[in-house]
Amino acid sequence: MASTTFPPRTATRRAVIAGALALSLLAPAAAFAQENCGRTGAGFDAWLAGFKQQAVAEGVSPRTVAAALNGVTYAPDIVGTDRGQKVFGQSFFQFSDRMVANYRIQQGRQKIQKNPELFSRIEQQFGVPGAVLVAFWGLETDFGAFMGDKQTIRSVASLAWDCRRAEMFRTQLMAALKIIDRGDLTVQTMRGPWAGELGQFQFLPDHYLNYGVDFDGDGRVDLIRSAPDALASAANYIKALGWKAGQPWLEEVSVPPNLPWDQADLSIKIPRSQWARMGVVRAGGGQLPADQLPASLLLPMGRTGPAFLVYPNFDVFTEWNNSLTYATSAAYLASRVAGAGPFNRGQGDKIPVLSMAQAKELQTLLNARGHHVGRIDGIVGAATRQAVKTEQMRLGLPADSYPTPDLLAALRAGR
């Protein structure tokens, strides 16, 4: 069947001018939202009226605007949920043990085995293997089983009014209106989780609009009810993120005890042959190819836990979701679906894990020493890991970028 990829719409000069006028109408309400961030929905109706004018100025039909936005009310529970996310504060062990479950591995393999022609056609067109697609499919919605049932328009409109991520969600609200206007979904069928994601791969509305593919040939992009559309759209998005066909993404390795730990850093990419000279071997003892493929050493639980070499394609996983815990778990699940065995846990449960409160304290202490770790949220992301590595090197600790109670104690003591 023929497939159609829908590109982003191009605004006319007239629409741009009209959009600028509509934005000026939104300014007072936006200022009110900033002042009352997270405390009230007062002013929401006035802001929404301005947004309706902006949507029409950007080419959305008045009929769609009225059908989607008339009667929409502010949802304080949605805004509260947005401010209380904690799942990515979990360690790699905690998250992957729960999410990379045997049933997801088995179901992922079965999906590919039962639909070989579909997955083959997708890989031929977009270069993305089935194992990677079903890994995201399984983690996002359990292969379409749990897509959420909240009213997307109300959720996204509420988050667009709230000041925390207003610009992002105003983009999403406009995209959602354009999806409805294009005829892909209706207001009633546009349902999902609290943050407005849509379909079997939990696309944000602007990704749905810009990367959606009609792969079943029915003339619509339906990422909720059509598995072919959903899978091909995910592959189209992954390709756009820079996926390199035919290349690996992650493999488990064993590392020598005398490895220079400061080299275990996603920002350090050196040829695989160089890792081999440093004594890194494949899990089970096999030799690494002596080639020039760039690779980074990833130690998600520090030097006493599992070790992985990750390749340029791994960057796509971190682009899909910038949580390193999620990205590593997704890449690991894809490798399991493709036939890899379970990873070696190293010292396993003996590896210390900071609590959320301890991680926040660590981030506060790191900021006080001149580092910039971003929000104090207890989530150990790339900026926090880089600061941890710098402090480990300063203190003469093994610089594996993994936060430990020993490091926290040293910083508490003012060392």
Protein backbone atom coordinates (compact mmCIF):
# COMPACT_ATOMS: atom_id res chain seq x y z
CA MET A 1 0.00 0.00 0.00
CA ALA A 2 1.15 3.52 -0.72
CA SER A 3 2.18 5.65 2.20
CA THR A 4 1.94 9.40 2.61
CA THR A 5 3.99 11.60 4.94
CA PHE A 6 2.34 14.89 5.83
CA PRO A 7 4.85 17.78 6.14
CA PRO A 8 4.39 20.82 8.37
CA ARG A 9 2.13 23.47 6.92
CA THR A 10 3.71 26.66 5.62
CA ALA A 11 2.11 29.88 6.90
CA THR A 12 1.27 32.58 4.40
CA ARG A 13 2.51 36.13 4.92
CA ARG A 14 -1.04 37.21 5.69
CA ALA A 15 -1.37 34.51 8.35
CA VAL A 16 1.92 35.53 9.94
CA ILE A 17 0.80 39.16 10.18
CA ALA A 18 -2.58 38.15 11.59
CA GLY A 19 -0.84 35.79 14.01
CA ALA A 20 1.30 38.61 15.33
CA LEU A 21 -1.87 40.62 15.97
CA ALA A 22 -3.46 37.70 17.80
CA LEU A 23 -0.33 37.26 19.92
CA SER A 24 -0.68 40.87 21.05
CA LEU A 25 -4.17 40.01 22.27
CA LEU A 26 -2.70 37.17 24.33
CA ALA A 27 -0.07 39.30 26.07
CA PRO A 28 -2.18 40.57 29.02
CA ALA A 29 -3.46 37.08 29.80
CA ALA A 30 0.05 35.66 29.52
CA ALA A 31 1.31 38.23 32.02
CA PHE A 32 -1.54 37.30 34.38
CA ALA A 33 -0.65 33.61 34.01
CA GLN A 34 2.97 34.32 34.94
CA GLU A 35 1.88 36.23 38.04
CA ASN A 36 -0.57 33.52 39.14
CA CYS A 37 1.42 30.49 38.03
CA GLY A 38 -0.04 27.28 39.47
CA ARG A 39 -2.39 29.10 41.85
CA THR A 40 -5.51 29.87 39.87
CA GLY A 41 -7.40 29.40 36.63
CA ALA A 42 -8.76 32.95 36.77
CA GLY A 43 -8.22 34.62 33.43
CA PHE A 44 -8.19 31.31 31.55
CA ASP A 45 -11.33 32.16 29.55
CA ALA A 46 -9.93 35.49 28.42
CA TRP A 47 -6.65 33.88 27.41
CA LEU A 48 -8.51 31.12 25.52
CA ALA A 49 -10.51 33.69 23.59
CA GLY A 50 -7.27 35.24 22.40
CA PHE A 51 -5.87 31.85 21.47
CA LYS A 52 -8.95 31.14 19.33
CA GLN A 53 -8.19 34.27 17.29
CA GLN A 54 -4.57 33.21 16.92
CA ALA A 55 -5.61 29.75 15.70
CA VAL A 56 -7.86 31.20 13.00
CA ALA A 57 -5.03 33.55 12.00
CA GLU A 58 -2.76 30.53 11.56
CA GLY A 59 -5.21 28.87 9.20
CA VAL A 60 -7.32 26.65 11.44
CA SER A 61 -10.95 26.78 10.35
CA PRO A 62 -13.35 28.68 12.63
CA ARG A 63 -15.53 25.56 12.69
CA THR A 64 -12.69 23.46 14.12
CA VAL A 65 -11.75 26.16 16.63
CA ALA A 66 -15.32 26.36 17.88
CA ALA A 67 -15.79 22.59 18.05
CA ALA A 68 -12.53 22.07 19.92
CA LEU A 69 -12.32 25.08 22.24
CA ASN A 70 -15.85 26.29 23.00
CA GLY A 71 -16.71 25.30 26.55
CA VAL A 72 -13.20 24.10 27.47
CA THR A 73 -12.47 24.68 31.15
CA TYR A 74 -9.26 24.90 33.16
CA ALA A 75 -8.10 21.59 34.71
CA PRO A 76 -6.14 22.23 37.93
CA ASP A 77 -5.59 18.49 38.44
CA ILE A 78 -3.67 18.32 35.17
CA VAL A 79 -1.41 21.19 36.17
CA GLY A 80 -0.87 19.58 39.57
CA THR A 81 0.17 16.31 37.96
CA ASP A 82 2.64 18.14 35.72
CA ARG A 83 4.34 19.59 38.78
CA GLY A 84 4.59 16.30 40.66
CA GLN A 85 6.46 13.96 38.26
CA LYS A 86 8.97 11.70 40.03
CA VAL A 87 9.31 8.60 37.87
CA PHE A 88 12.64 9.61 36.33
CA GLY A 89 14.13 10.07 39.77
CA GLN A 90 14.43 6.28 39.87
CA SER A 91 17.75 4.56 39.30
CA PHE A 92 18.43 2.51 36.19
CA PHE A 93 17.94 -0.71 38.17
CA GLN A 94 14.65 0.49 39.65
CA PHE A 95 13.23 1.64 36.32
CA SER A 96 14.55 -1.10 34.03
CA ASP A 97 13.65 -3.92 36.43
CA ARG A 98 10.04 -2.76 36.24
CA MET A 99 9.81 -1.68 32.61
CA VAL A 100 12.05 -4.17 30.77
CA ALA A 101 9.82 -7.03 31.84
CA ASN A 102 9.93 -10.48 30.25
CA TYR A 103 6.42 -10.11 28.87
CA ARG A 104 7.46 -6.95 26.98
CA ILE A 105 10.47 -8.76 25.52
CA GLN A 106 8.34 -11.73 24.44
CA GLN A 107 5.47 -9.63 23.10
CA GLY A 108 7.88 -7.41 21.21
CA ARG A 109 9.40 -10.43 19.48
CA GLN A 110 5.95 -11.84 18.74
CA LYS A 111 4.77 -8.57 17.17
CA ILE A 112 7.66 -8.73 14.70
CA GLN A 113 7.22 -12.45 14.01
CA LYS A 114 3.49 -12.05 13.30
CA ASN A 115 3.94 -9.04 10.99
CA PRO A 116 7.21 -9.62 9.13
CA GLU A 117 6.08 -7.90 5.93
CA LEU A 118 4.99 -4.74 7.77
CA PHE A 119 8.22 -4.42 9.78
CA SER A 120 10.33 -5.24 6.73
CA ARG A 121 8.60 -2.55 4.67
CA ILE A 122 9.05 0.01 7.43
CA GLU A 123 12.75 -0.80 7.83
CA GLN A 124 13.28 -0.66 4.08
CA GLN A 125 11.69 2.80 3.88
CA PHE A 126 13.00 4.39 7.08
CA GLY A 127 16.01 2.27 8.09
CA VAL A 128 14.74 1.58 11.63
CA PRO A 129 14.72 -2.08 12.77
CA GLY A 130 11.65 -3.65 14.32
CA ALA A 131 13.36 -4.29 17.66
CA VAL A 132 13.81 -0.56 18.22
CA LEU A 133 10.22 0.22 17.25
CA VAL A 134 8.65 -2.39 19.51
CA ALA A 135 10.86 -1.29 22.42
CA PHE A 136 9.40 2.21 22.30
CA TRP A 137 5.94 0.77 21.55
CA GLY A 138 6.10 -1.47 24.61
CA LEU A 139 7.44 1.18 26.98
CA GLU A 140 5.09 3.93 25.87
CA THR A 141 1.72 2.11 25.79
CA ASP A 142 2.26 -1.65 26.20
CA PHE A 143 1.80 -2.01 22.43
CA GLY A 144 -1.29 0.18 22.29
CA ALA A 145 -3.06 -1.26 25.33
CA PHE A 146 -2.83 1.85 27.51
CA MET A 147 -3.04 5.14 25.65
CA GLY A 148 -4.89 7.25 28.22
CA ASP A 149 -8.45 8.56 28.19
CA LYS A 150 -8.25 12.21 29.19
CA GLN A 151 -9.55 14.94 26.88
CA THR A 152 -6.41 16.06 25.08
CA ILE A 153 -7.63 19.54 24.21
CA ARG A 154 -8.57 20.34 27.83
CA SER A 155 -5.28 18.94 29.14
CA VAL A 156 -3.09 20.81 26.68
CA ALA A 157 -5.07 24.05 27.00
CA SER A 158 -4.65 23.96 30.79
CA LEU A 159 -0.91 23.40 30.50
CA ALA A 160 -0.69 26.13 27.85
CA TRP A 161 -2.29 28.54 30.33
CA ASP A 162 -0.01 27.52 33.21
CA CYS A 163 3.27 29.41 33.18
CA ARG A 164 5.69 26.52 33.82
CA ARG A 165 5.86 25.29 30.21
CA ALA A 166 3.41 27.64 28.53
CA GLU A 167 5.26 28.17 25.24
CA MET A 168 5.74 24.45 24.70
CA PHE A 169 2.09 23.61 25.32
CA ARG A 170 0.74 26.50 23.25
CA THR A 171 2.64 24.94 20.36
CA GLN A 172 1.03 21.59 21.19
CA LEU A 173 -2.46 23.07 21.43
CA MET A 174 -2.11 24.70 18.02
CA ALA A 175 -0.86 21.43 16.54
CA ALA A 176 -3.77 19.52 18.08
CA LEU A 177 -6.23 21.90 16.43
CA LYS A 178 -4.50 21.40 13.08
CA ILE A 179 -4.68 17.61 13.43
CA ILE A 180 -8.44 17.88 13.92
CA ASP A 181 -8.73 20.38 11.08
CA ARG A 182 -6.80 18.03 8.79
CA GLY A 183 -9.36 15.30 9.46
CA ASP A 184 -7.08 12.78 11.17
CA LEU A 185 -8.91 12.79 14.52
CA THR A 186 -12.02 14.37 16.02
CA VAL A 187 -12.30 16.23 19.30
CA GLN A 188 -13.96 13.12 20.73
CA THR A 189 -11.31 10.63 19.56
CA MET A 190 -8.41 12.89 20.58
CA ARG A 191 -7.81 11.39 24.01
CA GLY A 192 -4.66 10.38 25.84
CA PRO A 193 -2.67 10.85 29.05
CA TRP A 194 -2.61 14.00 31.16
CA ALA A 195 0.21 15.72 29.23
CA GLY A 196 -1.51 15.57 25.84
CA GLU A 197 0.47 12.78 24.18
CA LEU A 198 -1.38 10.90 21.49
CA GLY A 199 -1.49 7.41 20.08
CA GLN A 200 0.38 4.17 20.42
CA PHE A 201 3.77 5.91 20.65
CA GLN A 202 2.59 8.87 22.73
CA PHE A 203 3.49 11.52 20.19
CA LEU A 204 3.14 15.12 21.21
CA PRO A 205 0.65 16.81 18.87
CA ASP A 206 3.33 18.70 16.91
CA HIS A 207 5.22 15.44 16.29
CA TYR A 208 1.93 13.84 15.21
CA LEU A 209 1.34 16.71 12.81
CA ASN A 210 4.86 16.87 11.37
CA TYR A 211 5.97 13.21 11.32
CA GLY A 212 2.70 11.31 11.02
CA VAL A 213 2.55 8.81 8.17
CA ASP A 214 -0.50 7.26 6.53
CA PHE A 215 0.98 3.79 6.11
CA ASP A 216 -2.26 1.79 5.77
CA GLY A 217 -3.36 3.90 2.79
CA ASP A 218 -6.76 5.05 4.12
CA GLY A 219 -6.03 8.74 3.58
CA ARG A 220 -5.73 9.63 7.28
CA VAL A 221 -2.95 9.58 9.85
CA ASP A 222 -4.46 7.66 12.75
CA LEU A 223 -1.84 6.98 15.40
CA ILE A 224 -4.47 5.79 17.87
CA ARG A 225 -6.27 3.02 15.98
CA SER A 226 -3.87 2.11 13.15
CA ALA A 227 -0.77 0.13 14.16
CA PRO A 228 0.79 0.51 10.67
CA ASP A 229 0.38 4.29 10.85
CA ALA A 230 1.76 4.38 14.39
CA LEU A 231 4.79 2.20 13.65
CA ALA A 232 5.71 3.98 10.42
CA SER A 233 5.28 7.39 12.05
CA ALA A 234 7.58 6.36 14.90
CA ALA A 235 10.15 5.18 12.35
CA ASN A 236 9.81 8.43 10.42
CA TYR A 237 10.43 10.43 13.61
CA ILE A 238 13.38 8.24 14.65
CA LYS A 239 14.92 8.66 11.21
CA ALA A 240 14.51 12.44 11.53
CA LEU A 241 16.34 12.31 14.86
CA GLY A 242 19.39 10.97 13.04
CA TRP A 243 19.09 7.17 13.04
CA LYS A 244 21.80 5.50 10.96
CA ALA A 245 20.50 2.37 9.23
CA GLY A 246 22.43 -0.82 9.82
CA GLN A 247 24.39 0.48 12.82
CA PRO A 248 24.19 -0.75 16.44
CA TRP A 249 22.88 1.31 19.34
CA LEU A 250 23.99 -0.43 22.56
CA GLU A 251 25.85 -3.56 23.63
CA GLU A 252 26.89 -4.86 27.00
CA VAL A 253 30.62 -5.04 27.69
CA SER A 254 33.03 -6.01 30.45
CA VAL A 255 35.58 -3.46 31.61
CA PRO A 256 38.93 -3.96 33.38
CA PRO A 257 39.23 -2.84 37.03
CA ASN A 258 42.00 -0.37 36.18
CA LEU A 259 40.06 1.48 33.48
CA PRO A 260 40.44 5.28 33.64
CA TRP A 261 36.90 5.90 34.90
CA ASP A 262 36.79 9.50 33.75
CA GLN A 263 36.51 8.12 30.20
CA ALA A 264 33.05 6.72 31.04
CA ASP A 265 31.17 9.73 29.74
CA LEU A 266 28.57 10.07 26.98
CA SER A 267 30.35 13.20 25.75
CA ILE A 268 33.51 11.14 25.11
CA LYS A 269 33.22 9.25 21.83
CA ILE A 270 36.28 7.30 20.73
CA PRO A 271 36.77 4.51 18.16
CA ARG A 272 35.72 1.05 19.21
CA SER A 273 39.25 -0.14 18.47
CA GLN A 274 40.55 2.21 21.16
CA TRP A 275 38.15 0.76 23.74
CA ALA A 276 39.46 -2.67 22.78
CA ARG A 277 43.06 -1.53 23.43
CA MET A 278 41.93 -0.30 26.86
CA GLY A 279 40.79 -3.82 27.72
CA VAL A 280 37.06 -3.49 27.09
CA VAL A 281 35.54 -6.71 25.73
CA ARG A 282 32.08 -7.86 24.83
CA ALA A 283 29.95 -9.43 27.53
CA GLY A 284 31.07 -13.03 27.77
CA GLY A 285 34.62 -12.20 26.68
CA GLY A 286 34.31 -11.73 22.91
CA GLN A 287 36.65 -9.23 21.30
CA LEU A 288 35.35 -5.92 20.04
CA PRO A 289 35.79 -5.22 16.33
CA ALA A 290 38.96 -3.20 15.75
CA ASP A 291 37.12 -0.56 13.74
CA GLN A 292 36.61 3.19 13.87
CA LEU A 293 32.95 3.20 14.90
CA PRO A 294 32.70 5.88 17.63
CA ALA A 295 31.44 4.66 20.99
CA SER A 296 30.94 5.94 24.52
CA LEU A 297 31.15 3.93 27.72
CA LEU A 298 27.96 4.12 29.76
CA LEU A 299 27.94 3.04 33.42
CA PRO A 300 24.35 3.70 34.51
CA MET A 301 24.98 2.39 38.05
CA GLY A 302 28.62 3.39 38.33
CA ARG A 303 31.78 1.34 37.91
CA THR A 304 30.48 -1.62 39.99
CA GLY A 305 27.32 -2.09 37.93
CA PRO A 306 26.53 -3.04 34.33
CA ALA A 307 28.61 -1.52 31.53
CA PHE A 308 27.54 -0.70 27.98
CA LEU A 309 29.17 0.68 24.89
CA VAL A 310 26.72 3.02 23.20
CA TYR A 311 26.99 4.16 19.60
CA PRO A 312 25.76 7.21 17.63
CA ASN A 313 22.29 5.65 17.31
CA PHE A 314 21.98 5.76 21.11
CA ASP A 315 21.68 9.54 20.77
CA VAL A 316 18.27 8.93 19.21
CA PHE A 317 17.07 7.30 22.43
CA THR A 318 18.14 10.32 24.47
CA GLU A 319 16.47 12.61 21.92
CA TRP A 320 13.23 10.62 22.20
CA ASN A 321 13.34 11.07 25.98
CA ASN A 322 16.15 13.05 27.60
CA SER A 323 15.97 11.00 30.80
CA LEU A 324 19.09 8.82 30.74
CA THR A 325 17.25 6.22 32.82
CA TYR A 326 14.47 5.95 30.23
CA ALA A 327 16.80 6.10 27.22
CA THR A 328 19.09 3.38 28.56
CA SER A 329 16.13 1.16 29.46
CA ALA A 330 14.59 1.61 26.00
CA ALA A 331 17.88 0.81 24.26
CA TYR A 332 18.40 -2.21 26.51
CA LEU A 333 14.86 -3.47 25.81
CA ALA A 334 15.49 -3.12 22.07
CA SER A 335 18.68 -5.16 22.42
CA ARG A 336 16.81 -7.88 24.34
CA VAL A 337 14.11 -8.05 21.67
CA ALA A 338 16.91 -8.36 19.09
CA GLY A 339 18.33 -11.37 20.93
CA ALA A 340 20.75 -10.11 23.59
CA GLY A 341 20.73 -11.71 27.02
CA PRO A 342 20.15 -10.02 30.39
CA PHE A 343 22.92 -7.73 31.59
CA ASN A 344 25.37 -8.54 34.37
CA ARG A 345 24.25 -6.61 37.44
CA GLY A 346 27.75 -6.38 38.90
CA GLN A 347 27.43 -5.78 42.63
CA GLY A 348 23.67 -5.53 42.20
CA ASP A 349 21.78 -4.58 45.34
CA LYS A 350 25.02 -3.57 47.07
CA ILE A 351 25.28 -0.53 44.79
CA PRO A 352 24.11 2.49 46.81
CA VAL A 353 21.23 4.56 45.44
CA LEU A 354 20.56 8.09 46.67
CA SER A 355 17.02 8.88 47.73
CA MET A 356 15.17 11.71 46.01
CA ALA A 357 15.85 13.96 49.01
CA GLN A 358 19.56 13.07 48.98
CA ALA A 359 19.79 13.69 45.23
CA LYS A 360 18.21 17.13 45.69
CA GLU A 361 20.67 17.90 48.47
CA LEU A 362 23.53 16.79 46.23
CA GLN A 363 22.31 19.06 43.43
CA THR A 364 22.08 21.99 45.86
CA LEU A 365 25.64 21.39 47.06
CA LEU A 366 26.90 21.08 43.48
CA ASN A 367 25.27 24.37 42.52
CA ALA A 368 26.83 26.00 45.57
CA ARG A 369 30.25 24.96 44.22
CA GLY A 370 29.62 26.74 40.94
CA HIS A 371 28.14 23.93 38.88
CA HIS A 372 24.94 24.38 36.91
CA VAL A 373 22.79 21.27 37.23
CA GLY A 374 19.49 22.90 36.28
CA ARG A 375 16.38 22.42 38.39
CA ILE A 376 16.82 20.99 41.88
CA ASP A 377 14.51 18.05 41.20
CA GLY A 378 16.38 14.95 42.40
CA ILE A 379 16.69 13.66 38.84
CA VAL A 380 20.31 12.82 38.01
CA GLY A 381 20.52 13.99 34.43
CA ALA A 382 23.47 14.80 32.19
CA ALA A 383 24.33 18.11 33.90
CA THR A 384 24.27 16.54 37.36
CA ARG A 385 26.40 13.61 36.22
CA GLN A 386 28.97 15.95 34.68
CA ALA A 387 29.16 17.95 37.92
CA VAL A 388 29.48 14.71 39.91
CA LYS A 389 32.39 13.63 37.71
CA THR A 390 34.15 16.97 38.16
CA GLU A 391 33.84 16.77 41.96
CA GLN A 392 34.94 13.12 42.01
CA MET A 393 38.10 14.08 40.12
CA ARG A 394 38.75 17.00 42.49
CA LEU A 395 38.35 14.75 45.55
CA GLY A 396 40.40 11.89 44.14
CA LEU A 397 37.40 9.53 43.96
CA PRO A 398 36.82 7.14 41.02
CA ALA A 399 35.35 9.52 38.43
CA ASP A 400 32.57 7.33 37.05
CA SER A 401 29.91 10.10 37.19
CA TYR A 402 27.74 8.04 39.55
CA PRO A 403 26.46 9.89 42.65
CA THR A 404 27.23 8.05 45.90
CA PRO A 405 26.69 8.66 49.63
CA ASP A 406 30.48 9.06 49.96
CA LEU A 407 30.48 11.98 47.54
CA LEU A 408 27.47 13.53 49.28
CA ALA A 409 29.18 13.20 52.67
CA ALA A 410 32.34 14.82 51.34
CA LEU A 411 30.44 17.79 49.95
CA ARG A 412 28.44 18.13 53.16
CA ALA A 413 31.69 18.30 55.07
CA GLY A 414 32.89 21.11 52.85
CA ARG A 415 35.77 19.15 51.36
